[in-house]
Amino acid sequence: MFGDLFGKLQEAQQKMEEGKERLAHVTVDGEAGDGAVKVAVTGNREVKNITIADHLLAPGNKEELEDLLITALNRALKNAENLWESEMKGLAGGMLGGLGM
């Protein structure tokens, strides 16, 4: 009984690692200021790219740029979090079914 449970837990751990690996190759975006700032992050919430419109780099736009960066980063990270949760729920559903629950 415990051997079977242990095997299922090892299988579940392997599936979670596979899910994390898939998420590392998926990119989600967040933007602010009508696209003036764009941020791309992986499904594992790693920032991969930040794009800033030229007009925001002009003197006097520092505060606006900071605000837009925060907004775009938060949106991208929220999108990545939603993707992560969706992936993990799918894996958890499969694991629970495999455990006979």
N, C-alpha and C. Protein backbone atom coordinates (compact mmCIF):
# COMPACT_ATOMS: atom_id res chain seq x y z
N MET A 1 0.83 -1.20 0.00
CA MET A 1 0.00 0.00 0.00
C MET A 1 0.87 1.26 0.00
N PHE A 2 1.84 1.30 0.93
CA PHE A 2 2.67 2.49 0.99
C PHE A 2 3.61 2.59 -0.20
N GLY A 3 4.04 1.44 -0.72
CA GLY A 3 4.88 1.44 -1.92
C GLY A 3 4.15 2.05 -3.10
N ASP A 4 2.88 1.70 -3.25
CA ASP A 4 2.07 2.25 -4.33
C ASP A 4 1.88 3.75 -4.15
N LEU A 5 1.63 4.18 -2.92
CA LEU A 5 1.46 5.59 -2.62
C LEU A 5 2.75 6.35 -2.90
N PHE A 6 3.87 5.77 -2.48
CA PHE A 6 5.17 6.40 -2.71
C PHE A 6 5.43 6.53 -4.21
N GLY A 7 5.10 5.50 -4.97
CA GLY A 7 5.26 5.55 -6.42
C GLY A 7 4.41 6.65 -7.04
N LYS A 8 3.18 6.78 -6.55
CA LYS A 8 2.28 7.83 -7.07
C LYS A 8 2.83 9.21 -6.73
N LEU A 9 3.39 9.36 -5.54
CA LEU A 9 3.95 10.66 -5.14
C LEU A 9 5.17 11.00 -5.99
N GLN A 10 6.00 10.02 -6.29
CA GLN A 10 7.15 10.25 -7.16
C GLN A 10 6.68 10.65 -8.56
N GLU A 11 5.65 9.98 -9.04
CA GLU A 11 5.10 10.30 -10.36
C GLU A 11 4.54 11.73 -10.37
N ALA A 12 3.87 12.10 -9.28
CA ALA A 12 3.31 13.44 -9.18
C ALA A 12 4.42 14.48 -9.17
N GLN A 13 5.49 14.21 -8.45
CA GLN A 13 6.62 15.14 -8.41
C GLN A 13 7.23 15.30 -9.80
N GLN A 14 7.36 14.21 -10.52
CA GLN A 14 7.92 14.26 -11.86
C GLN A 14 7.02 15.09 -12.78
N LYS A 15 5.71 14.91 -12.65
CA LYS A 15 4.78 15.67 -13.49
C LYS A 15 4.84 17.16 -13.17
N MET A 16 5.02 17.49 -11.90
CA MET A 16 5.15 18.90 -11.52
C MET A 16 6.41 19.50 -12.13
N GLU A 17 7.50 18.76 -12.12
CA GLU A 17 8.74 19.23 -12.72
C GLU A 17 8.57 19.43 -14.22
N GLU A 18 7.86 18.51 -14.85
CA GLU A 18 7.59 18.65 -16.29
C GLU A 18 6.74 19.89 -16.55
N GLY A 19 5.78 20.14 -15.67
CA GLY A 19 4.94 21.34 -15.81
C GLY A 19 5.75 22.60 -15.67
N LYS A 20 6.67 22.64 -14.71
CA LYS A 20 7.54 23.80 -14.54
C LYS A 20 8.42 24.00 -15.77
N GLU A 21 8.90 22.92 -16.34
CA GLU A 21 9.73 23.00 -17.53
C GLU A 21 8.93 23.58 -18.70
N ARG A 22 7.68 23.13 -18.86
CA ARG A 22 6.83 23.69 -19.92
C ARG A 22 6.61 25.18 -19.71
N LEU A 23 6.35 25.57 -18.47
CA LEU A 23 6.09 26.98 -18.17
C LEU A 23 7.32 27.86 -18.42
N ALA A 24 8.50 27.28 -18.32
CA ALA A 24 9.72 28.05 -18.57
C ALA A 24 9.81 28.46 -20.03
N HIS A 25 9.09 27.78 -20.92
CA HIS A 25 9.16 28.06 -22.34
C HIS A 25 7.93 28.82 -22.85
N VAL A 26 7.04 29.19 -21.94
CA VAL A 26 5.85 29.95 -22.31
C VAL A 26 6.06 31.39 -21.84
N THR A 27 5.78 32.33 -22.73
CA THR A 27 5.94 33.74 -22.40
C THR A 27 4.58 34.42 -22.35
N VAL A 28 4.37 35.22 -21.31
CA VAL A 28 3.16 36.03 -21.21
C VAL A 28 3.59 37.49 -21.09
N ASP A 29 2.71 38.39 -21.49
CA ASP A 29 3.05 39.80 -21.55
C ASP A 29 2.18 40.63 -20.61
N GLY A 30 2.71 41.79 -20.31
CA GLY A 30 1.96 42.82 -19.60
C GLY A 30 2.39 44.14 -20.20
N GLU A 31 1.46 45.08 -20.29
CA GLU A 31 1.82 46.38 -20.85
C GLU A 31 1.09 47.48 -20.11
N ALA A 32 1.59 48.69 -20.31
CA ALA A 32 0.99 49.88 -19.69
C ALA A 32 1.21 51.06 -20.62
N GLY A 33 0.41 52.09 -20.40
CA GLY A 33 0.55 53.31 -21.21
C GLY A 33 0.27 53.08 -22.68
N ASP A 34 -0.80 52.32 -22.96
CA ASP A 34 -1.17 52.01 -24.34
C ASP A 34 0.00 51.38 -25.11
N GLY A 35 0.73 50.52 -24.43
CA GLY A 35 1.83 49.81 -25.08
C GLY A 35 3.17 50.53 -25.02
N ALA A 36 3.23 51.65 -24.31
CA ALA A 36 4.50 52.39 -24.21
C ALA A 36 5.54 51.59 -23.43
N VAL A 37 5.08 50.76 -22.49
CA VAL A 37 5.97 49.86 -21.75
C VAL A 37 5.39 48.46 -21.87
N LYS A 38 6.24 47.54 -22.30
CA LYS A 38 5.83 46.14 -22.44
C LYS A 38 6.82 45.27 -21.69
N VAL A 39 6.28 44.28 -20.98
CA VAL A 39 7.12 43.36 -20.21
C VAL A 39 6.71 41.94 -20.59
N ALA A 40 7.70 41.10 -20.84
CA ALA A 40 7.46 39.69 -21.12
C ALA A 40 8.10 38.86 -20.01
N VAL A 41 7.33 37.91 -19.46
CA VAL A 41 7.83 37.02 -18.43
C VAL A 41 7.47 35.59 -18.81
N THR A 42 8.22 34.64 -18.26
CA THR A 42 7.91 33.23 -18.50
C THR A 42 6.77 32.83 -17.58
N GLY A 43 6.23 31.65 -17.85
CA GLY A 43 5.19 31.10 -16.97
C GLY A 43 5.71 30.83 -15.57
N ASN A 44 7.03 30.80 -15.41
CA ASN A 44 7.65 30.64 -14.09
C ASN A 44 7.98 31.98 -13.45
N ARG A 45 7.44 33.05 -14.01
CA ARG A 45 7.56 34.41 -13.48
C ARG A 45 8.99 34.95 -13.52
N GLU A 46 9.71 34.64 -14.58
CA GLU A 46 11.05 35.18 -14.79
C GLU A 46 10.95 36.24 -15.89
N VAL A 47 11.39 37.46 -15.59
CA VAL A 47 11.33 38.55 -16.56
C VAL A 47 12.31 38.25 -17.68
N LYS A 48 11.82 38.29 -18.93
CA LYS A 48 12.64 37.99 -20.08
C LYS A 48 12.94 39.23 -20.93
N ASN A 49 12.01 40.19 -20.95
CA ASN A 49 12.19 41.33 -21.83
C ASN A 49 11.38 42.52 -21.34
N ILE A 50 11.96 43.70 -21.48
CA ILE A 50 11.24 44.95 -21.19
C ILE A 50 11.48 45.88 -22.38
N THR A 51 10.38 46.41 -22.93
CA THR A 51 10.46 47.34 -24.05
C THR A 51 9.85 48.67 -23.61
N ILE A 52 10.59 49.75 -23.87
CA ILE A 52 10.16 51.09 -23.45
C ILE A 52 10.15 52.00 -24.67
N ALA A 53 9.03 52.69 -24.86
CA ALA A 53 8.92 53.64 -25.98
C ALA A 53 9.92 54.78 -25.80
N ASP A 54 10.48 55.23 -26.89
CA ASP A 54 11.52 56.27 -26.85
C ASP A 54 11.09 57.53 -26.11
N HIS A 55 9.84 57.94 -26.28
CA HIS A 55 9.42 59.21 -25.67
C HIS A 55 9.49 59.16 -24.13
N LEU A 56 9.46 57.97 -23.56
CA LEU A 56 9.55 57.87 -22.11
C LEU A 56 10.97 58.02 -21.59
N LEU A 57 11.94 57.97 -22.50
CA LEU A 57 13.34 58.10 -22.09
C LEU A 57 13.80 59.56 -22.09
N ALA A 58 12.92 60.46 -22.48
CA ALA A 58 13.25 61.88 -22.51
C ALA A 58 13.30 62.43 -21.08
N PRO A 59 14.14 63.45 -20.88
CA PRO A 59 14.19 64.08 -19.55
C PRO A 59 12.81 64.54 -19.11
N GLY A 60 12.53 64.37 -17.85
CA GLY A 60 11.24 64.79 -17.32
C GLY A 60 10.20 63.68 -17.30
N ASN A 61 10.49 62.53 -17.87
CA ASN A 61 9.53 61.43 -17.91
C ASN A 61 9.86 60.31 -16.93
N LYS A 62 10.80 60.57 -16.04
CA LYS A 62 11.26 59.53 -15.12
C LYS A 62 10.12 58.96 -14.28
N GLU A 63 9.33 59.81 -13.67
CA GLU A 63 8.25 59.34 -12.80
C GLU A 63 7.20 58.56 -13.59
N GLU A 64 6.84 59.05 -14.76
CA GLU A 64 5.87 58.34 -15.61
C GLU A 64 6.41 56.97 -16.00
N LEU A 65 7.69 56.91 -16.38
CA LEU A 65 8.31 55.65 -16.75
C LEU A 65 8.30 54.68 -15.59
N GLU A 66 8.64 55.14 -14.41
CA GLU A 66 8.64 54.26 -13.23
C GLU A 66 7.24 53.70 -12.97
N ASP A 67 6.24 54.57 -13.04
CA ASP A 67 4.86 54.12 -12.82
C ASP A 67 4.42 53.09 -13.86
N LEU A 68 4.75 53.35 -15.12
CA LEU A 68 4.36 52.43 -16.18
C LEU A 68 5.11 51.10 -16.08
N LEU A 69 6.37 51.14 -15.67
CA LEU A 69 7.13 49.90 -15.47
C LEU A 69 6.50 49.04 -14.38
N ILE A 70 6.13 49.66 -13.29
CA ILE A 70 5.50 48.92 -12.19
C ILE A 70 4.19 48.30 -12.65
N THR A 71 3.39 49.08 -13.36
CA THR A 71 2.10 48.58 -13.85
C THR A 71 2.30 47.42 -14.82
N ALA A 72 3.19 47.59 -15.78
CA ALA A 72 3.42 46.54 -16.78
C ALA A 72 3.99 45.28 -16.14
N LEU A 73 4.93 45.44 -15.22
CA LEU A 73 5.49 44.27 -14.52
C LEU A 73 4.43 43.54 -13.72
N ASN A 74 3.62 44.28 -12.98
CA ASN A 74 2.57 43.64 -12.19
C ASN A 74 1.57 42.90 -13.07
N ARG A 75 1.22 43.49 -14.21
CA ARG A 75 0.28 42.82 -15.13
C ARG A 75 0.90 41.54 -15.69
N ALA A 76 2.15 41.61 -16.12
CA ALA A 76 2.81 40.43 -16.66
C ALA A 76 2.94 39.34 -15.60
N LEU A 77 3.32 39.71 -14.39
CA LEU A 77 3.47 38.73 -13.32
C LEU A 77 2.13 38.12 -12.93
N LYS A 78 1.07 38.90 -12.96
CA LYS A 78 -0.26 38.37 -12.67
C LYS A 78 -0.68 37.38 -13.75
N ASN A 79 -0.42 37.71 -15.01
CA ASN A 79 -0.72 36.78 -16.10
C ASN A 79 0.06 35.49 -15.95
N ALA A 80 1.33 35.60 -15.56
CA ALA A 80 2.16 34.41 -15.35
C ALA A 80 1.64 33.59 -14.17
N GLU A 81 1.21 34.27 -13.12
CA GLU A 81 0.65 33.58 -11.96
C GLU A 81 -0.61 32.81 -12.34
N ASN A 82 -1.47 33.42 -13.14
CA ASN A 82 -2.69 32.75 -13.58
C ASN A 82 -2.36 31.51 -14.42
N LEU A 83 -1.36 31.64 -15.29
CA LEU A 83 -0.93 30.51 -16.10
C LEU A 83 -0.37 29.40 -15.22
N TRP A 84 0.46 29.77 -14.26
CA TRP A 84 1.06 28.82 -13.32
C TRP A 84 -0.04 28.06 -12.57
N GLU A 85 -0.99 28.80 -12.03
CA GLU A 85 -2.08 28.17 -11.27
C GLU A 85 -2.88 27.22 -12.14
N SER A 86 -3.16 27.62 -13.35
CA SER A 86 -3.90 26.77 -14.27
C SER A 86 -3.14 25.48 -14.55
N GLU A 87 -1.85 25.59 -14.81
CA GLU A 87 -1.01 24.41 -15.08
C GLU A 87 -0.98 23.49 -13.86
N MET A 88 -0.79 24.06 -12.68
CA MET A 88 -0.67 23.24 -11.47
C MET A 88 -2.02 22.60 -11.09
N LYS A 89 -3.12 23.30 -11.32
CA LYS A 89 -4.43 22.71 -11.05
C LYS A 89 -4.67 21.52 -11.96
N GLY A 90 -4.28 21.66 -13.22
CA GLY A 90 -4.41 20.55 -14.15
C GLY A 90 -3.60 19.35 -13.70
N LEU A 91 -2.40 19.60 -13.23
CA LEU A 91 -1.55 18.52 -12.74
C LEU A 91 -2.12 17.92 -11.46
N ALA A 92 -2.61 18.77 -10.57
CA ALA A 92 -3.16 18.29 -9.30
C ALA A 92 -4.39 17.43 -9.55
N GLY A 93 -5.22 17.83 -10.50
CA GLY A 93 -6.40 17.02 -10.83
C GLY A 93 -5.99 15.66 -11.33
N GLY A 94 -4.96 15.62 -12.16
CA GLY A 94 -4.48 14.34 -12.65
C GLY A 94 -3.86 13.50 -11.56
N MET A 95 -3.19 14.16 -10.62
CA MET A 95 -2.54 13.43 -9.52
C MET A 95 -3.60 12.84 -8.58
N LEU A 96 -4.59 13.63 -8.25
CA LEU A 96 -5.61 13.15 -7.32
C LEU A 96 -6.37 11.98 -7.93
N GLY A 97 -6.63 12.07 -9.22
CA GLY A 97 -7.28 10.96 -9.88
C GLY A 97 -6.40 9.71 -9.84
N GLY A 98 -5.10 9.90 -9.97
CA GLY A 98 -4.17 8.80 -9.93
C GLY A 98 -4.03 8.19 -8.55
N LEU A 99 -4.35 8.98 -7.52
CA LEU A 99 -4.26 8.48 -6.15
C LEU A 99 -5.55 7.84 -5.70
N GLY A 100 -6.55 7.82 -6.57
CA GLY A 100 -7.81 7.17 -6.23
C GLY A 100 -8.69 8.00 -5.32
N MET A 101 -8.48 9.33 -5.33
CA MET A 101 -9.29 10.19 -4.46
C MET A 101 -10.41 10.82 -5.22
